[in-house]
Amino acid sequence: MNVLFVCNQNKNRSKTAEELFHKEFVTSSAGLYSEPSVREEQLQWADVVVVMEDSQRYELGKRFPTQYLQKRIVSLNIPDVFQYNQPELVELLKARIEETLLPLL
């Protein structure tokens, strides 16, 4: 399964998730407000798009309405208060993926 992780800058949350789950899934990550920002091709590639906050889901819908309607998008509800690979972030990501993404398999 191809999983695209999206957060604001692709520096902390989504980058950590991409690396953390690369053995379970084929992973990639992107940022909404980084350079370069998330691209339509990345959404097309993904079977599931995982956002860190509901506001990011809304922003994807505004930018890519066609792909948005065709994709399964899961929000983990993880605030932007963590650093890259911070142990608390890693544990939270593991728990949220187990709750939200694994039941979809």
PDB file of N, CA and C in Angstrom:
ATOM      1  N   MET A   1       0.845  -1.173   0.000  1.00  0.00           N
ATOM      2  CA  MET A   1       0.000   0.000   0.000  1.00  0.00           C
ATOM      3  C   MET A   1       0.893   1.239   0.000  1.00  0.00           C
ATOM      4  N   ASN A   2       0.597   2.192  -0.869  1.00  0.00           N
ATOM      5  CA  ASN A   2       1.313   3.458  -0.944  1.00  0.00           C
ATOM      6  C   ASN A   2       0.662   4.462   0.001  1.00  0.00           C
ATOM      7  N   VAL A   3       1.448   4.975   0.947  1.00  0.00           N
ATOM      8  CA  VAL A   3       0.925   5.904   1.942  1.00  0.00           C
ATOM      9  C   VAL A   3       1.710   7.210   1.857  1.00  0.00           C
ATOM     10  N   LEU A   4       0.982   8.297   1.654  1.00  0.00           N
ATOM     11  CA  LEU A   4       1.568   9.632   1.630  1.00  0.00           C
ATOM     12  C   LEU A   4       1.239  10.329   2.945  1.00  0.00           C
ATOM     13  N   PHE A   5       2.266  10.738   3.686  1.00  0.00           N
ATOM     14  CA  PHE A   5       2.104  11.478   4.930  1.00  0.00           C
ATOM     15  C   PHE A   5       2.274  12.964   4.637  1.00  0.00           C
ATOM     16  N   VAL A   6       1.323  13.774   5.118  1.00  0.00           N
ATOM     17  CA  VAL A   6       1.338  15.206   4.842  1.00  0.00           C
ATOM     18  C   VAL A   6       1.235  15.992   6.145  1.00  0.00           C
ATOM     19  N   CYS A   7       2.107  16.994   6.270  1.00  0.00           N
ATOM     20  CA  CYS A   7       1.978  17.968   7.359  1.00  0.00           C
ATOM     21  C   CYS A   7       2.271  19.348   6.773  1.00  0.00           C
ATOM     22  N   ASN A   8       2.528  20.322   7.610  1.00  0.00           N
ATOM     23  CA  ASN A   8       2.696  21.684   7.108  1.00  0.00           C
ATOM     24  C   ASN A   8       3.986  21.877   6.316  1.00  0.00           C
ATOM     25  N   GLN A   9       5.124  21.496   6.891  1.00  0.00           N
ATOM     26  CA  GLN A   9       6.419  21.781   6.273  1.00  0.00           C
ATOM     27  C   GLN A   9       7.203  20.540   5.843  1.00  0.00           C
ATOM     28  N   ASN A  10       6.731  19.356   6.190  1.00  0.00           N
ATOM     29  CA  ASN A  10       7.444  18.106   5.895  1.00  0.00           C
ATOM     30  C   ASN A  10       8.839  18.096   6.543  1.00  0.00           C
ATOM     31  N   LYS A  11       8.892  18.575   7.768  1.00  0.00           N
ATOM     32  CA  LYS A  11      10.167  18.568   8.486  1.00  0.00           C
ATOM     33  C   LYS A  11      10.128  17.665   9.711  1.00  0.00           C
ATOM     34  N   ASN A  12       9.003  17.615  10.383  1.00  0.00           N
ATOM     35  CA  ASN A  12       8.945  16.894  11.648  1.00  0.00           C
ATOM     36  C   ASN A  12       7.967  15.722  11.614  1.00  0.00           C
ATOM     37  N   ARG A  13       6.675  16.004  11.590  1.00  0.00           N
ATOM     38  CA  ARG A  13       5.676  14.949  11.722  1.00  0.00           C
ATOM     39  C   ARG A  13       5.636  14.008  10.522  1.00  0.00           C
ATOM     40  N   SER A  14       5.432  14.544   9.331  1.00  0.00           N
ATOM     41  CA  SER A  14       5.299  13.660   8.162  1.00  0.00           C
ATOM     42  C   SER A  14       6.617  12.987   7.805  1.00  0.00           C
ATOM     43  N   LYS A  15       7.724  13.674   7.980  1.00  0.00           N
ATOM     44  CA  LYS A  15       9.032  13.073   7.701  1.00  0.00           C
ATOM     45  C   LYS A  15       9.310  11.928   8.677  1.00  0.00           C
ATOM     46  N   THR A  16       8.980  12.126   9.948  1.00  0.00           N
ATOM     47  CA  THR A  16       9.141  11.056  10.938  1.00  0.00           C
ATOM     48  C   THR A  16       8.259   9.868  10.579  1.00  0.00           C
ATOM     49  N   ALA A  17       7.010  10.131  10.210  1.00  0.00           N
ATOM     50  CA  ALA A  17       6.083   9.050   9.860  1.00  0.00           C
ATOM     51  C   ALA A  17       6.557   8.289   8.628  1.00  0.00           C
ATOM     52  N   GLU A  18       7.027   9.007   7.624  1.00  0.00           N
ATOM     53  CA  GLU A  18       7.525   8.348   6.410  1.00  0.00           C
ATOM     54  C   GLU A  18       8.612   7.338   6.755  1.00  0.00           C
ATOM     55  N   GLU A  19       9.555   7.738   7.567  1.00  0.00           N
ATOM     56  CA  GLU A  19      10.666   6.859   7.923  1.00  0.00           C
ATOM     57  C   GLU A  19      10.239   5.761   8.897  1.00  0.00           C
ATOM     58  N   LEU A  20       9.335   6.077   9.791  1.00  0.00           N
ATOM     59  CA  LEU A  20       8.900   5.123  10.808  1.00  0.00           C
ATOM     60  C   LEU A  20       8.139   3.941  10.217  1.00  0.00           C
ATOM     61  N   PHE A  21       7.338   4.196   9.179  1.00  0.00           N
ATOM     62  CA  PHE A  21       6.458   3.149   8.641  1.00  0.00           C
ATOM     63  C   PHE A  21       6.902   2.605   7.282  1.00  0.00           C
ATOM     64  N   HIS A  22       8.146   2.864   6.888  1.00  0.00           N
ATOM     65  CA  HIS A  22       8.587   2.432   5.553  1.00  0.00           C
ATOM     66  C   HIS A  22       8.697   0.915   5.409  1.00  0.00           C
ATOM     67  N   LYS A  23       8.724   0.167   6.516  1.00  0.00           N
ATOM     68  CA  LYS A  23       8.769  -1.297   6.414  1.00  0.00           C
ATOM     69  C   LYS A  23       7.377  -1.900   6.270  1.00  0.00           C
ATOM     70  N   GLU A  24       6.355  -1.210   6.779  1.00  0.00           N
ATOM     71  CA  GLU A  24       4.981  -1.711   6.698  1.00  0.00           C
ATOM     72  C   GLU A  24       4.297  -1.308   5.401  1.00  0.00           C
ATOM     73  N   PHE A  25       4.669  -0.145   4.864  1.00  0.00           N
ATOM     74  CA  PHE A  25       4.028   0.421   3.672  1.00  0.00           C
ATOM     75  C   PHE A  25       5.104   0.989   2.742  1.00  0.00           C
ATOM     76  N   VAL A  26       4.711   1.307   1.533  1.00  0.00           N
ATOM     77  CA  VAL A  26       5.551   2.117   0.659  1.00  0.00           C
ATOM     78  C   VAL A  26       5.191   3.555   1.008  1.00  0.00           C
ATOM     79  N   THR A  27       6.162   4.309   1.542  1.00  0.00           N
ATOM     80  CA  THR A  27       5.844   5.615   2.100  1.00  0.00           C
ATOM     81  C   THR A  27       6.528   6.766   1.359  1.00  0.00           C
ATOM     82  N   SER A  28       5.880   7.904   1.464  1.00  0.00           N
ATOM     83  CA  SER A  28       6.430   9.169   0.999  1.00  0.00           C
ATOM     84  C   SER A  28       5.846  10.242   1.903  1.00  0.00           C
ATOM     85  N   SER A  29       6.440  11.435   1.846  1.00  0.00           N
ATOM     86  CA  SER A  29       5.912  12.528   2.662  1.00  0.00           C
ATOM     87  C   SER A  29       6.008  13.831   1.897  1.00  0.00           C
ATOM     88  N   ALA A  30       5.189  14.780   2.331  1.00  0.00           N
ATOM     89  CA  ALA A  30       5.152  16.086   1.673  1.00  0.00           C
ATOM     90  C   ALA A  30       4.635  17.123   2.656  1.00  0.00           C
ATOM     91  N   GLY A  31       4.914  18.373   2.333  1.00  0.00           N
ATOM     92  CA  GLY A  31       4.423  19.486   3.128  1.00  0.00           C
ATOM     93  C   GLY A  31       3.465  20.333   2.313  1.00  0.00           C
ATOM     94  N   LEU A  32       2.517  20.909   2.995  1.00  0.00           N
ATOM     95  CA  LEU A  32       1.568  21.799   2.316  1.00  0.00           C
ATOM     96  C   LEU A  32       2.157  23.172   2.057  1.00  0.00           C
ATOM     97  N   TYR A  33       3.039  23.620   2.929  1.00  0.00           N
ATOM     98  CA  TYR A  33       3.541  24.990   2.838  1.00  0.00           C
ATOM     99  C   TYR A  33       5.053  25.033   2.686  1.00  0.00           C
ATOM    100  N   SER A  34       5.640  23.946   2.227  1.00  0.00           N
ATOM    101  CA  SER A  34       7.083  23.894   2.023  1.00  0.00           C
ATOM    102  C   SER A  34       7.385  24.076   0.552  1.00  0.00           C
ATOM    103  N   GLU A  35       8.653  24.224   0.255  1.00  0.00           N
ATOM    104  CA  GLU A  35       9.094  24.288  -1.140  1.00  0.00           C
ATOM    105  C   GLU A  35       9.978  23.091  -1.406  1.00  0.00           C
ATOM    106  N   PRO A  36       9.642  22.193  -2.276  1.00  0.00           N
ATOM    107  CA  PRO A  36       8.387  22.165  -3.023  1.00  0.00           C
ATOM    108  C   PRO A  36       7.252  21.670  -2.133  1.00  0.00           C
ATOM    109  N   SER A  37       6.050  22.066  -2.481  1.00  0.00           N
ATOM    110  CA  SER A  37       4.892  21.607  -1.712  1.00  0.00           C
ATOM    111  C   SER A  37       4.305  20.353  -2.363  1.00  0.00           C
ATOM    112  N   VAL A  38       3.358  19.766  -1.672  1.00  0.00           N
ATOM    113  CA  VAL A  38       2.721  18.537  -2.152  1.00  0.00           C
ATOM    114  C   VAL A  38       2.220  18.736  -3.586  1.00  0.00           C
ATOM    115  N   ARG A  39       2.399  17.701  -4.401  1.00  0.00           N
ATOM    116  CA  ARG A  39       2.034  17.779  -5.816  1.00  0.00           C
ATOM    117  C   ARG A  39       0.895  16.816  -6.140  1.00  0.00           C
ATOM    118  N   GLU A  40       0.206  17.121  -7.196  1.00  0.00           N
ATOM    119  CA  GLU A  40      -0.900  16.277  -7.656  1.00  0.00           C
ATOM    120  C   GLU A  40      -0.424  14.850  -7.927  1.00  0.00           C
ATOM    121  N   GLU A  41       0.766  14.692  -8.481  1.00  0.00           N
ATOM    122  CA  GLU A  41       1.295  13.358  -8.784  1.00  0.00           C
ATOM    123  C   GLU A  41       1.460  12.519  -7.515  1.00  0.00           C
ATOM    124  N   GLN A  42       1.814  13.174  -6.418  1.00  0.00           N
ATOM    125  CA  GLN A  42       1.958  12.451  -5.161  1.00  0.00           C
ATOM    126  C   GLN A  42       0.609  11.924  -4.682  1.00  0.00           C
ATOM    127  N   LEU A  43      -0.415  12.727  -4.827  1.00  0.00           N
ATOM    128  CA  LEU A  43      -1.754  12.278  -4.438  1.00  0.00           C
ATOM    129  C   LEU A  43      -2.220  11.135  -5.326  1.00  0.00           C
ATOM    130  N   GLN A  44      -1.940  11.219  -6.597  1.00  0.00           N
ATOM    131  CA  GLN A  44      -2.329  10.147  -7.512  1.00  0.00           C
ATOM    132  C   GLN A  44      -1.623   8.851  -7.161  1.00  0.00           C
ATOM    133  N   TRP A  45      -0.368   8.927  -6.760  1.00  0.00           N
ATOM    134  CA  TRP A  45       0.430   7.759  -6.398  1.00  0.00           C
ATOM    135  C   TRP A  45      -0.115   7.059  -5.152  1.00  0.00           C
ATOM    136  N   ALA A  46      -0.611   7.841  -4.204  1.00  0.00           N
ATOM    137  CA  ALA A  46      -0.989   7.318  -2.890  1.00  0.00           C
ATOM    138  C   ALA A  46      -2.295   6.533  -2.922  1.00  0.00           C
ATOM    139  N   ASP A  47      -2.298   5.410  -2.214  1.00  0.00           N
ATOM    140  CA  ASP A  47      -3.543   4.684  -1.956  1.00  0.00           C
ATOM    141  C   ASP A  47      -4.281   5.334  -0.786  1.00  0.00           C
ATOM    142  N   VAL A  48      -3.509   5.811   0.183  1.00  0.00           N
ATOM    143  CA  VAL A  48      -4.046   6.485   1.362  1.00  0.00           C
ATOM    144  C   VAL A  48      -3.193   7.724   1.624  1.00  0.00           C
ATOM    145  N   VAL A  49      -3.865   8.817   1.952  1.00  0.00           N
ATOM    146  CA  VAL A  49      -3.179  10.046   2.339  1.00  0.00           C
ATOM    147  C   VAL A  49      -3.432  10.244   3.828  1.00  0.00           C
ATOM    148  N   VAL A  50      -2.348  10.397   4.584  1.00  0.00           N
ATOM    149  CA  VAL A  50      -2.455  10.592   6.025  1.00  0.00           C
ATOM    150  C   VAL A  50      -2.022  12.016   6.343  1.00  0.00           C
ATOM    151  N   VAL A  51      -2.955  12.812   6.866  1.00  0.00           N
ATOM    152  CA  VAL A  51      -2.643  14.175   7.292  1.00  0.00           C
ATOM    153  C   VAL A  51      -2.513  14.193   8.807  1.00  0.00           C
ATOM    154  N   MET A  52      -1.796  15.171   9.296  1.00  0.00           N
ATOM    155  CA  MET A  52      -1.581  15.264  10.737  1.00  0.00           C
ATOM    156  C   MET A  52      -2.686  16.041  11.452  1.00  0.00           C
ATOM    157  N   GLU A  53      -3.390  16.928  10.701  1.00  0.00           N
ATOM    158  CA  GLU A  53      -4.451  17.743  11.288  1.00  0.00           C
ATOM    159  C   GLU A  53      -5.603  17.863  10.292  1.00  0.00           C
ATOM    160  N   ASP A  54      -6.807  18.049  10.802  1.00  0.00           N
ATOM    161  CA  ASP A  54      -7.977  18.184   9.932  1.00  0.00           C
ATOM    162  C   ASP A  54      -7.865  19.370   8.987  1.00  0.00           C
ATOM    163  N   SER A  55      -7.203  20.448   9.414  1.00  0.00           N
ATOM    164  CA  SER A  55      -7.052  21.614   8.545  1.00  0.00           C
ATOM    165  C   SER A  55      -6.258  21.271   7.288  1.00  0.00           C
ATOM    166  N   GLN A  56      -5.368  20.318   7.385  1.00  0.00           N
ATOM    167  CA  GLN A  56      -4.586  19.894   6.221  1.00  0.00           C
ATOM    168  C   GLN A  56      -5.459  19.111   5.242  1.00  0.00           C
ATOM    169  N   ARG A  57      -6.385  18.356   5.760  1.00  0.00           N
ATOM    170  CA  ARG A  57      -7.346  17.660   4.894  1.00  0.00           C
ATOM    171  C   ARG A  57      -8.160  18.680   4.096  1.00  0.00           C
ATOM    172  N   TYR A  58      -8.606  19.721   4.774  1.00  0.00           N
ATOM    173  CA  TYR A  58      -9.374  20.783   4.119  1.00  0.00           C
ATOM    174  C   TYR A  58      -8.539  21.465   3.031  1.00  0.00           C
ATOM    175  N   GLU A  59      -7.291  21.751   3.333  1.00  0.00           N
ATOM    176  CA  GLU A  59      -6.417  22.406   2.367  1.00  0.00           C
ATOM    177  C   GLU A  59      -6.173  21.520   1.142  1.00  0.00           C
ATOM    178  N   LEU A  60      -6.003  20.232   1.338  1.00  0.00           N
ATOM    179  CA  LEU A  60      -5.857  19.318   0.195  1.00  0.00           C
ATOM    180  C   LEU A  60      -7.096  19.341  -0.682  1.00  0.00           C
ATOM    181  N   GLY A  61      -8.261  19.402  -0.053  1.00  0.00           N
ATOM    182  CA  GLY A  61      -9.510  19.469  -0.805  1.00  0.00           C
ATOM    183  C   GLY A  61      -9.617  20.727  -1.640  1.00  0.00           C
ATOM    184  N   LYS A  62      -9.136  21.836  -1.115  1.00  0.00           N
ATOM    185  CA  LYS A  62      -9.153  23.091  -1.871  1.00  0.00           C
ATOM    186  C   LYS A  62      -8.181  23.051  -3.048  1.00  0.00           C
ATOM    187  N   ARG A  63      -7.007  22.513  -2.824  1.00  0.00           N
ATOM    188  CA  ARG A  63      -5.976  22.513  -3.861  1.00  0.00           C
ATOM    189  C   ARG A  63      -6.199  21.449  -4.937  1.00  0.00           C
ATOM    190  N   PHE A  64      -6.699  20.290  -4.512  1.00  0.00           N
ATOM    191  CA  PHE A  64      -6.814  19.153  -5.423  1.00  0.00           C
ATOM    192  C   PHE A  64      -8.200  18.513  -5.299  1.00  0.00           C
ATOM    193  N   PRO A  65      -9.252  19.208  -5.705  1.00  0.00           N
ATOM    194  CA  PRO A  65     -10.610  18.705  -5.459  1.00  0.00           C
ATOM    195  C   PRO A  65     -10.900  17.354  -6.112  1.00  0.00           C
ATOM    196  N   THR A  66     -10.403  17.117  -7.293  1.00  0.00           N
ATOM    197  CA  THR A  66     -10.681  15.846  -7.975  1.00  0.00           C
ATOM    198  C   THR A  66     -10.016  14.681  -7.248  1.00  0.00           C
ATOM    199  N   GLN A  67      -8.741  14.811  -6.936  1.00  0.00           N
ATOM    200  CA  GLN A  67      -8.030  13.739  -6.238  1.00  0.00           C
ATOM    201  C   GLN A  67      -8.573  13.558  -4.822  1.00  0.00           C
ATOM    202  N   TYR A  68      -8.955  14.652  -4.208  1.00  0.00           N
ATOM    203  CA  TYR A  68      -9.483  14.602  -2.846  1.00  0.00           C
ATOM    204  C   TYR A  68     -10.702  13.681  -2.770  1.00  0.00           C
ATOM    205  N   LEU A  69     -11.559  13.793  -3.746  1.00  0.00           N
ATOM    206  CA  LEU A  69     -12.775  12.969  -3.752  1.00  0.00           C
ATOM    207  C   LEU A  69     -12.496  11.507  -4.061  1.00  0.00           C
ATOM    208  N   GLN A  70     -11.364  11.225  -4.660  1.00  0.00           N
ATOM    209  CA  GLN A  70     -11.033   9.862  -5.067  1.00  0.00           C
ATOM    210  C   GLN A  70     -10.154   9.128  -4.055  1.00  0.00           C
ATOM    211  N   LYS A  71      -9.674   9.814  -3.054  1.00  0.00           N
ATOM    212  CA  LYS A  71      -8.698   9.237  -2.127  1.00  0.00           C
ATOM    213  C   LYS A  71      -9.267   9.022  -0.739  1.00  0.00           C
ATOM    214  N   ARG A  72      -8.736   8.013  -0.090  1.00  0.00           N
ATOM    215  CA  ARG A  72      -9.005   7.820   1.329  1.00  0.00           C
ATOM    216  C   ARG A  72      -8.022   8.715   2.072  1.00  0.00           C
ATOM    217  N   ILE A  73      -8.534   9.647   2.865  1.00  0.00           N
ATOM    218  CA  ILE A  73      -7.695  10.574   3.606  1.00  0.00           C
ATOM    219  C   ILE A  73      -7.991  10.397   5.091  1.00  0.00           C
ATOM    220  N   VAL A  74      -6.933  10.145   5.848  1.00  0.00           N
ATOM    221  CA  VAL A  74      -7.042   9.865   7.272  1.00  0.00           C
ATOM    222  C   VAL A  74      -6.325  10.966   8.038  1.00  0.00           C
ATOM    223  N   SER A  75      -6.970  11.517   9.055  1.00  0.00           N
ATOM    224  CA  SER A  75      -6.348  12.524   9.907  1.00  0.00           C
ATOM    225  C   SER A  75      -5.933  11.894  11.230  1.00  0.00           C
ATOM    226  N   LEU A  76      -4.680  12.127  11.620  1.00  0.00           N
ATOM    227  CA  LEU A  76      -4.175  11.579  12.878  1.00  0.00           C
ATOM    228  C   LEU A  76      -4.368  12.519  14.060  1.00  0.00           C
ATOM    229  N   ASN A  77      -4.737  13.768  13.789  1.00  0.00           N
ATOM    230  CA  ASN A  77      -4.950  14.763  14.857  1.00  0.00           C
ATOM    231  C   ASN A  77      -3.728  14.876  15.771  1.00  0.00           C
ATOM    232  N   ILE A  78      -2.580  15.123  15.150  1.00  0.00           N
ATOM    233  CA  ILE A  78      -1.330  15.326  15.883  1.00  0.00           C
ATOM    234  C   ILE A  78      -0.907  16.780  15.687  1.00  0.00           C
ATOM    235  N   PRO A  79      -0.873  17.563  16.759  1.00  0.00           N
ATOM    236  CA  PRO A  79      -0.546  18.992  16.629  1.00  0.00           C
ATOM    237  C   PRO A  79       0.925  19.204  16.262  1.00  0.00           C
ATOM    238  N   ASP A  80       1.199  20.381  15.761  1.00  0.00           N
ATOM    239  CA  ASP A  80       2.539  20.750  15.310  1.00  0.00           C
ATOM    240  C   ASP A  80       3.369  21.271  16.477  1.00  0.00           C
ATOM    241  N   VAL A  81       3.649  20.395  17.429  1.00  0.00           N
ATOM    242  CA  VAL A  81       4.414  20.775  18.617  1.00  0.00           C
ATOM    243  C   VAL A  81       5.618  19.860  18.841  1.00  0.00           C
ATOM    244  N   PHE A  82       5.896  18.987  17.878  1.00  0.00           N
ATOM    245  CA  PHE A  82       6.950  17.995  18.032  1.00  0.00           C
ATOM    246  C   PHE A  82       8.117  18.265  17.095  1.00  0.00           C
ATOM    247  N   GLN A  83       9.273  17.754  17.479  1.00  0.00           N
ATOM    248  CA  GLN A  83      10.466  17.813  16.650  1.00  0.00           C
ATOM    249  C   GLN A  83      10.617  16.497  15.885  1.00  0.00           C
ATOM    250  N   TYR A  84      11.432  16.526  14.864  1.00  0.00           N
ATOM    251  CA  TYR A  84      11.708  15.345  14.058  1.00  0.00           C
ATOM    252  C   TYR A  84      12.209  14.203  14.950  1.00  0.00           C
ATOM    253  N   ASN A  85      11.578  13.044  14.812  1.00  0.00           N
ATOM    254  CA  ASN A  85      11.937  11.814  15.535  1.00  0.00           C
ATOM    255  C   ASN A  85      11.875  11.943  17.053  1.00  0.00           C
ATOM    256  N   GLN A  86      11.182  12.916  17.563  1.00  0.00           N
ATOM    257  CA  GLN A  86      11.015  13.061  19.013  1.00  0.00           C
ATOM    258  C   GLN A  86      10.310  11.807  19.533  1.00  0.00           C
ATOM    259  N   PRO A  87      10.816  11.203  20.616  1.00  0.00           N
ATOM    260  CA  PRO A  87      10.227   9.947  21.111  1.00  0.00           C
ATOM    261  C   PRO A  87       8.715  10.022  21.350  1.00  0.00           C
ATOM    262  N   GLU A  88       8.226  11.138  21.867  1.00  0.00           N
ATOM    263  CA  GLU A  88       6.789  11.279  22.101  1.00  0.00           C
ATOM    264  C   GLU A  88       6.017  11.283  20.781  1.00  0.00           C
ATOM    265  N   LEU A  89       6.594  11.887  19.754  1.00  0.00           N
ATOM    266  CA  LEU A  89       5.963  11.880  18.426  1.00  0.00           C
ATOM    267  C   LEU A  89       5.936  10.475  17.858  1.00  0.00           C
ATOM    268  N   VAL A  90       7.024   9.746  17.984  1.00  0.00           N
ATOM    269  CA  VAL A  90       7.093   8.380  17.468  1.00  0.00           C
ATOM    270  C   VAL A  90       6.020   7.510  18.119  1.00  0.00           C
ATOM    271  N   GLU A  91       5.895   7.601  19.428  1.00  0.00           N
ATOM    272  CA  GLU A  91       4.889   6.802  20.137  1.00  0.00           C
ATOM    273  C   GLU A  91       3.478   7.195  19.731  1.00  0.00           C
ATOM    274  N   LEU A  92       3.232   8.488  19.589  1.00  0.00           N
ATOM    275  CA  LEU A  92       1.913   8.963  19.178  1.00  0.00           C
ATOM    276  C   LEU A  92       1.585   8.508  17.751  1.00  0.00           C
ATOM    277  N   LEU A  93       2.542   8.594  16.861  1.00  0.00           N
ATOM    278  CA  LEU A  93       2.331   8.127  15.481  1.00  0.00           C
ATOM    279  C   LEU A  93       1.996   6.635  15.457  1.00  0.00           C
ATOM    280  N   LYS A  94       2.733   5.843  16.203  1.00  0.00           N
ATOM    281  CA  LYS A  94       2.470   4.392  16.243  1.00  0.00           C
ATOM    282  C   LYS A  94       1.045   4.124  16.733  1.00  0.00           C
ATOM    283  N   ALA A  95       0.655   4.796  17.790  1.00  0.00           N
ATOM    284  CA  ALA A  95      -0.685   4.572  18.352  1.00  0.00           C
ATOM    285  C   ALA A  95      -1.771   5.016  17.379  1.00  0.00           C
ATOM    286  N   ARG A  96      -1.617   6.169  16.758  1.00  0.00           N
ATOM    287  CA  ARG A  96      -2.643   6.691  15.859  1.00  0.00           C
ATOM    288  C   ARG A  96      -2.741   5.873  14.577  1.00  0.00           C
ATOM    289  N   ILE A  97      -1.625   5.405  14.053  1.00  0.00           N
ATOM    290  CA  ILE A  97      -1.669   4.559  12.852  1.00  0.00           C
ATOM    291  C   ILE A  97      -2.369   3.241  13.187  1.00  0.00           C
ATOM    292  N   GLU A  98      -2.081   2.692  14.348  1.00  0.00           N
ATOM    293  CA  GLU A  98      -2.755   1.456  14.765  1.00  0.00           C
ATOM    294  C   GLU A  98      -4.268   1.665  14.879  1.00  0.00           C
ATOM    295  N   GLU A  99      -4.685   2.831  15.366  1.00  0.00           N
ATOM    296  CA  GLU A  99      -6.113   3.136  15.542  1.00  0.00           C
ATOM    297  C   GLU A  99      -6.822   3.444  14.241  1.00  0.00           C
ATOM    298  N   THR A 100      -6.142   4.144  13.333  1.00  0.00           N
ATOM    299  CA  THR A 100      -6.835   4.691  12.157  1.00  0.00           C
ATOM    300  C   THR A 100      -6.531   3.982  10.858  1.00  0.00           C
ATOM    301  N   LEU A 101      -5.292   3.616  10.613  1.00  0.00           N
ATOM    302  CA  LEU A 101      -4.922   3.079   9.306  1.00  0.00           C
ATOM    303  C   LEU A 101      -4.960   1.551   9.262  1.00  0.00           C
ATOM    304  N   LEU A 102      -4.465   0.919  10.277  1.00  0.00           N
ATOM    305  CA  LEU A 102      -4.426  -0.547  10.243  1.00  0.00           C
ATOM    306  C   LEU A 102      -5.803  -1.190  10.155  1.00  0.00           C
ATOM    307  N   PRO A 103      -6.843  -0.642  10.796  1.00  0.00           N
ATOM    308  CA  PRO A 103      -8.174  -1.245  10.618  1.00  0.00           C
ATOM    309  C   PRO A 103      -8.696  -1.181   9.167  1.00  0.00           C
ATOM    310  N   LEU A 104      -8.134  -0.283   8.356  1.00  0.00           N
ATOM    311  CA  LEU A 104      -8.584  -0.151   6.970  1.00  0.00           C
ATOM    312  C   LEU A 104      -7.995  -1.215   6.056  1.00  0.00           C
ATOM    313  N   LEU A 105      -6.990  -1.919   6.550  1.00  0.00           N
ATOM    314  CA  LEU A 105      -6.317  -2.916   5.691  1.00  0.00           C
ATOM    315  C   LEU A 105      -7.136  -4.170   5.512  1.00  0.00           C
TER     316      LEU A 105
END
